[in-house]
Amino acid sequence: MSKTPPPAVSALLAERADAIAEAARELAAFGWTPATSSNFSMRIDDDLAAITISGRDKGRLGRDDIMVVDMAGKAVGSDHRPSAETGLHTQVYRRFPEANVVLHTHSRTQSVASRLFASEGRVRLEGWELQKAIAGYTTHESVLDIPVFPNTQQMPELEARVDAWIDSGKPLYAYLIDGHGIYTWGRDMAETRRHLEALEFLLGCELDLRRLSP
């Protein structure tokens, strides 16, 4: 455990914790966080982020269920264990300075889509009006690729795959992990929630097309 955060950080932590807990309760009510799965975070400043403590029921989060980590994913001022996937959150904050919120959920739709499209390595969204819900997309006449990365318990390996996608110059607004769930992010909680809900809908549409196609 590193040193206790200064009072200013503690005040921001309380604010971020309340926002995370509120969002988590709503997402849990949708059935997107089964069996204590999923994790959520918000940037505090350039060096720190607030993130859910591992193993907590996401439908019942309070301030005591949120902790501080640095951008290397190490606990700050706490003996609690952050999510095993903390590095994926801090990676987003390091690679996308405009990102201030990361949401990771395990809905049935996300999980099934991640398996179905794993062999293709991506879900290609094209022609859907709701693509405009994703920041930077202003028309349905666009292509939005959501990569599907292989699942692994070795987070550095998964982080390397995400880095490789970004370094290739391809846009990245969200990604799926095979047999797992989705990660998405945004400038604030409202934008990130919008991304998550839009992608949930769009993935469901793609699954319906696969099921209904002859």
Protein backbone atom coordinates (compact mmCIF):
# COMPACT_ATOMS: atom_id res chain seq x y z
CA MET A 1 0.00 0.00 0.00
CA SER A 2 1.35 3.43 -0.87
CA LYS A 3 0.86 6.58 1.12
CA THR A 4 -2.58 7.94 1.98
CA PRO A 5 -4.01 10.28 -0.66
CA PRO A 6 -4.11 14.00 0.25
CA PRO A 7 -7.45 15.51 1.38
CA ALA A 8 -8.15 17.00 -2.06
CA VAL A 9 -7.89 13.53 -3.63
CA SER A 10 -10.06 12.05 -0.89
CA ALA A 11 -12.79 14.57 -1.68
CA LEU A 12 -12.62 13.75 -5.37
CA LEU A 13 -12.67 10.05 -4.54
CA ALA A 14 -15.96 10.45 -2.67
CA GLU A 15 -17.47 12.27 -5.64
CA ARG A 16 -16.23 9.68 -8.12
CA ALA A 17 -17.32 6.81 -5.87
CA ASP A 18 -20.86 8.13 -5.71
CA ALA A 19 -21.02 8.45 -9.50
CA ILE A 20 -19.60 4.95 -10.02
CA ALA A 21 -21.98 3.41 -7.50
CA GLU A 22 -25.01 5.07 -9.08
CA ALA A 23 -24.07 3.88 -12.56
CA ALA A 24 -23.24 0.40 -11.28
CA ARG A 25 -26.63 0.01 -9.63
CA GLU A 26 -28.39 0.92 -12.86
CA LEU A 27 -26.23 -1.41 -14.97
CA ALA A 28 -26.71 -4.22 -12.46
CA ALA A 29 -30.47 -3.73 -12.72
CA PHE A 30 -30.13 -4.38 -16.47
CA GLY A 31 -28.50 -7.72 -15.65
CA TRP A 32 -25.16 -6.66 -17.12
CA THR A 33 -23.02 -7.38 -14.01
CA PRO A 34 -23.84 -10.97 -12.96
CA ALA A 35 -22.12 -12.70 -10.03
CA THR A 36 -20.02 -9.67 -8.95
CA SER A 37 -18.50 -9.43 -12.45
CA SER A 38 -17.67 -6.15 -14.21
CA ASN A 39 -15.58 -3.21 -13.05
CA PHE A 40 -15.87 0.54 -13.31
CA SER A 41 -13.51 3.46 -12.89
CA MET A 42 -13.20 7.23 -13.15
CA ARG A 43 -10.10 9.34 -13.53
CA ILE A 44 -9.28 11.51 -10.50
CA ASP A 45 -6.36 13.38 -12.04
CA ASP A 46 -3.40 12.71 -14.33
CA ASP A 47 -1.89 10.27 -11.84
CA LEU A 48 -4.79 8.58 -10.07
CA ALA A 49 -8.10 6.84 -10.75
CA ALA A 50 -11.00 5.58 -8.63
CA ILE A 51 -11.94 1.95 -9.33
CA THR A 52 -14.18 -0.76 -7.91
CA ILE A 53 -12.67 -3.11 -5.34
CA SER A 54 -12.47 -6.70 -6.59
CA GLY A 55 -15.35 -9.06 -5.83
CA ARG A 56 -17.98 -6.55 -4.72
CA ASP A 57 -21.63 -6.84 -5.72
CA LYS A 58 -22.01 -4.13 -8.35
CA GLY A 59 -25.66 -3.62 -7.53
CA ARG A 60 -24.84 -2.69 -3.93
CA LEU A 61 -21.78 -0.47 -4.19
CA GLY A 62 -21.08 2.36 -1.76
CA ARG A 63 -18.13 4.63 -1.15
CA ASP A 64 -16.30 1.91 0.77
CA ASP A 65 -16.36 -0.30 -2.33
CA ILE A 66 -14.27 2.11 -4.40
CA MET A 67 -10.52 2.58 -4.04
CA VAL A 68 -7.72 4.67 -5.55
CA VAL A 69 -5.02 3.31 -7.88
CA ASP A 70 -2.17 4.99 -9.67
CA MET A 71 -1.67 4.79 -13.42
CA ALA A 72 0.45 1.67 -12.96
CA GLY A 73 -2.58 -0.02 -11.36
CA LYS A 74 -1.14 -0.02 -7.84
CA ALA A 75 -3.32 0.61 -4.78
CA VAL A 76 -3.00 4.03 -3.16
CA GLY A 77 -3.95 4.43 0.50
CA SER A 78 -5.70 1.05 0.71
CA ASP A 79 -4.97 -2.57 1.56
CA HIS A 80 -7.86 -3.70 -0.64
CA ARG A 81 -7.26 -5.48 -3.93
CA PRO A 82 -8.42 -3.67 -7.07
CA SER A 83 -9.88 -5.59 -9.96
CA ALA A 84 -7.48 -7.97 -11.68
CA GLU A 85 -8.25 -5.99 -14.82
CA THR A 86 -7.21 -2.63 -13.38
CA GLY A 87 -4.39 -2.41 -15.92
CA LEU A 88 -6.95 -2.29 -18.73
CA HIS A 89 -8.55 0.76 -17.13
CA THR A 90 -5.31 2.62 -16.52
CA GLN A 91 -4.19 1.75 -20.05
CA VAL A 92 -7.20 3.65 -21.40
CA TYR A 93 -6.35 6.68 -19.26
CA ARG A 94 -2.73 6.61 -20.40
CA ARG A 95 -3.49 6.16 -24.10
CA PHE A 96 -6.53 8.46 -24.28
CA PRO A 97 -5.98 11.62 -22.21
CA GLU A 98 -9.54 12.78 -22.97
CA ALA A 99 -11.02 9.65 -21.37
CA ASN A 100 -12.28 10.09 -17.81
CA VAL A 101 -14.54 7.05 -17.33
CA VAL A 102 -14.18 3.35 -18.16
CA LEU A 103 -17.08 0.89 -17.92
CA HIS A 104 -16.70 -2.87 -18.29
CA THR A 105 -19.76 -5.11 -18.24
CA HIS A 106 -20.70 -8.74 -18.92
CA SER A 107 -24.16 -8.70 -20.44
CA ARG A 108 -25.48 -11.81 -22.15
CA THR A 109 -25.49 -9.98 -25.49
CA GLN A 110 -21.89 -8.83 -25.10
CA SER A 111 -20.72 -12.27 -24.01
CA VAL A 112 -22.45 -14.13 -26.85
CA ALA A 113 -21.26 -11.61 -29.45
CA SER A 114 -17.70 -11.94 -28.17
CA ARG A 115 -17.79 -15.70 -28.84
CA LEU A 116 -19.61 -15.52 -32.16
CA PHE A 117 -17.27 -12.92 -33.68
CA ALA A 118 -14.04 -14.09 -32.05
CA SER A 119 -12.87 -15.95 -35.14
CA GLU A 120 -13.26 -12.76 -37.20
CA GLY A 121 -11.38 -10.71 -34.65
CA ARG A 122 -13.89 -7.87 -34.78
CA VAL A 123 -17.53 -6.89 -35.00
CA ARG A 124 -18.00 -4.60 -37.99
CA LEU A 125 -20.89 -2.16 -37.47
CA GLU A 126 -22.01 -0.50 -40.66
CA GLY A 127 -25.19 1.29 -41.72
CA TRP A 128 -26.80 1.52 -38.29
CA GLU A 129 -28.25 4.89 -37.30
CA LEU A 130 -27.23 4.35 -33.68
CA GLN A 131 -23.55 4.40 -34.65
CA LYS A 132 -23.98 8.16 -34.27
CA ALA A 133 -24.18 7.63 -30.50
CA ILE A 134 -20.42 6.97 -30.52
CA ALA A 135 -18.28 10.11 -30.16
CA GLY A 136 -16.84 11.15 -33.51
CA TYR A 137 -19.44 9.35 -35.63
CA THR A 138 -21.93 11.64 -37.35
CA THR A 139 -23.54 9.39 -39.94
CA HIS A 140 -24.77 5.85 -40.45
CA GLU A 141 -22.64 5.84 -43.61
CA SER A 142 -19.58 4.87 -41.64
CA VAL A 143 -17.76 1.77 -40.43
CA LEU A 144 -17.20 1.12 -36.74
CA ASP A 145 -15.02 -1.87 -35.91
CA ILE A 146 -15.15 -3.29 -32.40
CA PRO A 147 -12.17 -5.64 -32.00
CA VAL A 148 -12.56 -8.97 -30.22
CA PHE A 149 -9.38 -9.87 -28.35
CA PRO A 150 -8.60 -13.41 -27.12
CA ASN A 151 -9.25 -13.93 -23.44
CA THR A 152 -6.32 -14.49 -21.13
CA GLN A 153 -5.63 -14.32 -17.41
CA GLN A 154 -2.33 -12.61 -18.24
CA MET A 155 -3.25 -8.93 -18.29
CA PRO A 156 0.06 -7.72 -19.81
CA GLU A 157 -0.64 -9.94 -22.82
CA LEU A 158 -4.10 -8.46 -23.27
CA GLU A 159 -2.80 -4.93 -22.74
CA ALA A 160 -0.21 -5.57 -25.45
CA ARG A 161 -2.95 -6.56 -27.91
CA VAL A 162 -4.88 -3.38 -27.14
CA ASP A 163 -1.71 -1.30 -27.54
CA ALA A 164 -0.99 -2.98 -30.88
CA TRP A 165 -4.45 -2.06 -32.18
CA ILE A 166 -4.03 1.56 -31.12
CA ASP A 167 -0.47 1.74 -32.46
CA SER A 168 -1.67 0.48 -35.84
CA GLY A 169 -3.62 3.72 -36.21
CA LYS A 170 -7.02 2.08 -36.23
CA PRO A 171 -9.74 3.91 -34.24
CA LEU A 172 -10.68 2.34 -30.91
CA TYR A 173 -13.79 3.29 -28.96
CA ALA A 174 -14.50 -0.05 -27.31
CA TYR A 175 -13.45 -3.69 -27.44
CA LEU A 176 -14.77 -7.12 -26.60
CA ILE A 177 -12.86 -9.95 -24.94
CA ASP A 178 -13.72 -13.45 -26.16
CA GLY A 179 -16.14 -15.16 -23.78
CA HIS A 180 -15.95 -12.20 -21.46
CA GLY A 181 -17.55 -8.79 -22.00
CA ILE A 182 -17.03 -5.26 -23.28
CA TYR A 183 -14.84 -2.29 -22.39
CA THR A 184 -15.80 1.21 -23.41
CA TRP A 185 -14.95 4.71 -22.24
CA GLY A 186 -15.68 8.39 -22.70
CA ARG A 187 -15.09 11.94 -21.56
CA ASP A 188 -17.61 11.68 -18.74
CA MET A 189 -20.10 9.24 -17.26
CA ALA A 190 -22.95 10.35 -19.52
CA GLU A 191 -20.94 9.83 -22.70
CA THR A 192 -19.59 6.48 -21.54
CA ARG A 193 -23.06 5.27 -20.56
CA ARG A 194 -24.28 6.34 -24.00
CA HIS A 195 -21.50 4.38 -25.68
CA LEU A 196 -22.22 1.30 -23.59
CA GLU A 197 -25.96 1.33 -24.17
CA ALA A 198 -25.58 2.01 -27.91
CA LEU A 199 -23.08 -0.81 -28.33
CA GLU A 200 -25.28 -3.20 -26.36
CA PHE A 201 -28.14 -2.40 -28.75
CA LEU A 202 -25.97 -2.66 -31.88
CA LEU A 203 -24.43 -5.96 -30.83
CA GLY A 204 -27.93 -7.29 -30.22
CA CYS A 205 -28.94 -6.21 -33.72
CA GLU A 206 -25.95 -8.00 -35.23
CA LEU A 207 -26.83 -11.17 -33.30
CA ASP A 208 -30.41 -10.95 -34.55
CA LEU A 209 -29.21 -10.62 -38.15
CA ARG A 210 -27.05 -13.72 -37.77
CA ARG A 211 -29.92 -15.67 -36.28
CA LEU A 212 -32.53 -14.55 -38.83
CA SER A 213 -30.38 -14.81 -41.95
CA PRO A 214 -31.14 -17.92 -44.04
